[in-house]
Amino acid sequence: MTQRDMAGILHVDVKTLRNWKKNKPALYKKIMQGFMFDEVIQEAEEHYERLKKLAEESV
């Protein structure tokens, strides 16, 4: 996901994200962790669905 994508989701300008990264690194870090958390959850759901499909095919 690009900074432009993240800024759009947060309804802020890309410059705002850059300013947070420079001037408020703790806030920026938490925001990035939130996006990473969402990505990991999505990947886990996809893996679960693939495993479920494999299990159904082997029965």
C-alpha atoms as a PDB file:
ATOM      1  CA  MET A   1       0.000   0.000   0.000  1.00  0.00           C
ATOM      2  CA  THR A   2       1.378   3.394  -0.917  1.00  0.00           C
ATOM      3  CA  GLN A   3       1.452   6.488   1.275  1.00  0.00           C
ATOM      4  CA  ARG A   4      -1.177   7.955  -1.033  1.00  0.00           C
ATOM      5  CA  ASP A   5      -3.433   4.951  -0.350  1.00  0.00           C
ATOM      6  CA  MET A   6      -2.906   5.244   3.405  1.00  0.00           C
ATOM      7  CA  ALA A   7      -3.527   8.991   3.345  1.00  0.00           C
ATOM      8  CA  GLY A   8      -6.777   8.396   1.475  1.00  0.00           C
ATOM      9  CA  ILE A   9      -7.955   5.873   4.043  1.00  0.00           C
ATOM     10  CA  LEU A  10      -7.100   8.292   6.852  1.00  0.00           C
ATOM     11  CA  HIS A  11      -8.638  11.252   4.983  1.00  0.00           C
ATOM     12  CA  VAL A  12      -5.434  13.289   5.245  1.00  0.00           C
ATOM     13  CA  ASP A  13      -2.953  14.670   2.732  1.00  0.00           C
ATOM     14  CA  VAL A  14       0.189  12.713   1.914  1.00  0.00           C
ATOM     15  CA  LYS A  15       2.160  15.683   3.262  1.00  0.00           C
ATOM     16  CA  THR A  16       0.458  15.151   6.613  1.00  0.00           C
ATOM     17  CA  LEU A  17       1.760  11.586   6.758  1.00  0.00           C
ATOM     18  CA  ARG A  18       5.253  12.809   5.943  1.00  0.00           C
ATOM     19  CA  ASN A  19       5.009  15.480   8.640  1.00  0.00           C
ATOM     20  CA  TRP A  20       3.833  12.898  11.187  1.00  0.00           C
ATOM     21  CA  LYS A  21       6.757  10.651  10.235  1.00  0.00           C
ATOM     22  CA  LYS A  22       9.201  13.512  10.779  1.00  0.00           C
ATOM     23  CA  ASN A  23       7.610  15.378  13.710  1.00  0.00           C
ATOM     24  CA  LYS A  24       5.490  12.739  15.464  1.00  0.00           C
ATOM     25  CA  PRO A  25       7.314   9.446  14.956  1.00  0.00           C
ATOM     26  CA  ALA A  26       5.373   7.613  17.700  1.00  0.00           C
ATOM     27  CA  LEU A  27       2.039   8.492  16.064  1.00  0.00           C
ATOM     28  CA  TYR A  28       3.349   7.532  12.634  1.00  0.00           C
ATOM     29  CA  LYS A  29       4.642   4.215  13.997  1.00  0.00           C
ATOM     30  CA  LYS A  30       1.240   3.362  15.522  1.00  0.00           C
ATOM     31  CA  ILE A  31      -0.526   4.197  12.276  1.00  0.00           C
ATOM     32  CA  MET A  32       1.847   1.977  10.302  1.00  0.00           C
ATOM     33  CA  GLN A  33       1.389  -0.829  12.832  1.00  0.00           C
ATOM     34  CA  GLY A  34      -2.373  -0.530  12.371  1.00  0.00           C
ATOM     35  CA  PHE A  35      -2.032  -0.915   8.618  1.00  0.00           C
ATOM     36  CA  MET A  36       0.322  -3.874   9.054  1.00  0.00           C
ATOM     37  CA  PHE A  37      -2.114  -5.481  11.507  1.00  0.00           C
ATOM     38  CA  ASP A  38      -4.915  -5.188   8.945  1.00  0.00           C
ATOM     39  CA  GLU A  39      -2.708  -6.771   6.269  1.00  0.00           C
ATOM     40  CA  VAL A  40      -1.739  -9.677   8.529  1.00  0.00           C
ATOM     41  CA  ILE A  41      -5.398 -10.317   9.420  1.00  0.00           C
ATOM     42  CA  GLN A  42      -6.335 -10.325   5.740  1.00  0.00           C
ATOM     43  CA  GLU A  43      -3.512 -12.756   4.922  1.00  0.00           C
ATOM     44  CA  ALA A  44      -4.549 -15.042   7.789  1.00  0.00           C
ATOM     45  CA  GLU A  45      -8.130 -15.089   6.511  1.00  0.00           C
ATOM     46  CA  GLU A  46      -6.918 -15.972   3.017  1.00  0.00           C
ATOM     47  CA  HIS A  47      -4.748 -18.788   4.392  1.00  0.00           C
ATOM     48  CA  TYR A  48      -7.679 -20.076   6.440  1.00  0.00           C
ATOM     49  CA  GLU A  49      -9.913 -20.161   3.364  1.00  0.00           C
ATOM     50  CA  ARG A  50      -7.242 -22.015   1.367  1.00  0.00           C
ATOM     51  CA  LEU A  51      -6.803 -24.575   4.160  1.00  0.00           C
ATOM     52  CA  LYS A  52     -10.557 -24.993   4.471  1.00  0.00           C
ATOM     53  CA  LYS A  53     -10.812 -25.625   0.729  1.00  0.00           C
ATOM     54  CA  LEU A  54      -7.990 -28.173   0.867  1.00  0.00           C
ATOM     55  CA  ALA A  55      -9.675 -29.973   3.744  1.00  0.00           C
ATOM     56  CA  GLU A  56     -12.981 -30.127   1.875  1.00  0.00           C
ATOM     57  CA  GLU A  57     -11.295 -31.475  -1.263  1.00  0.00           C
ATOM     58  CA  SER A  58      -9.551 -34.265   0.641  1.00  0.00           C
ATOM     59  CA  VAL A  59     -12.761 -35.623   2.148  1.00  0.00           C
END
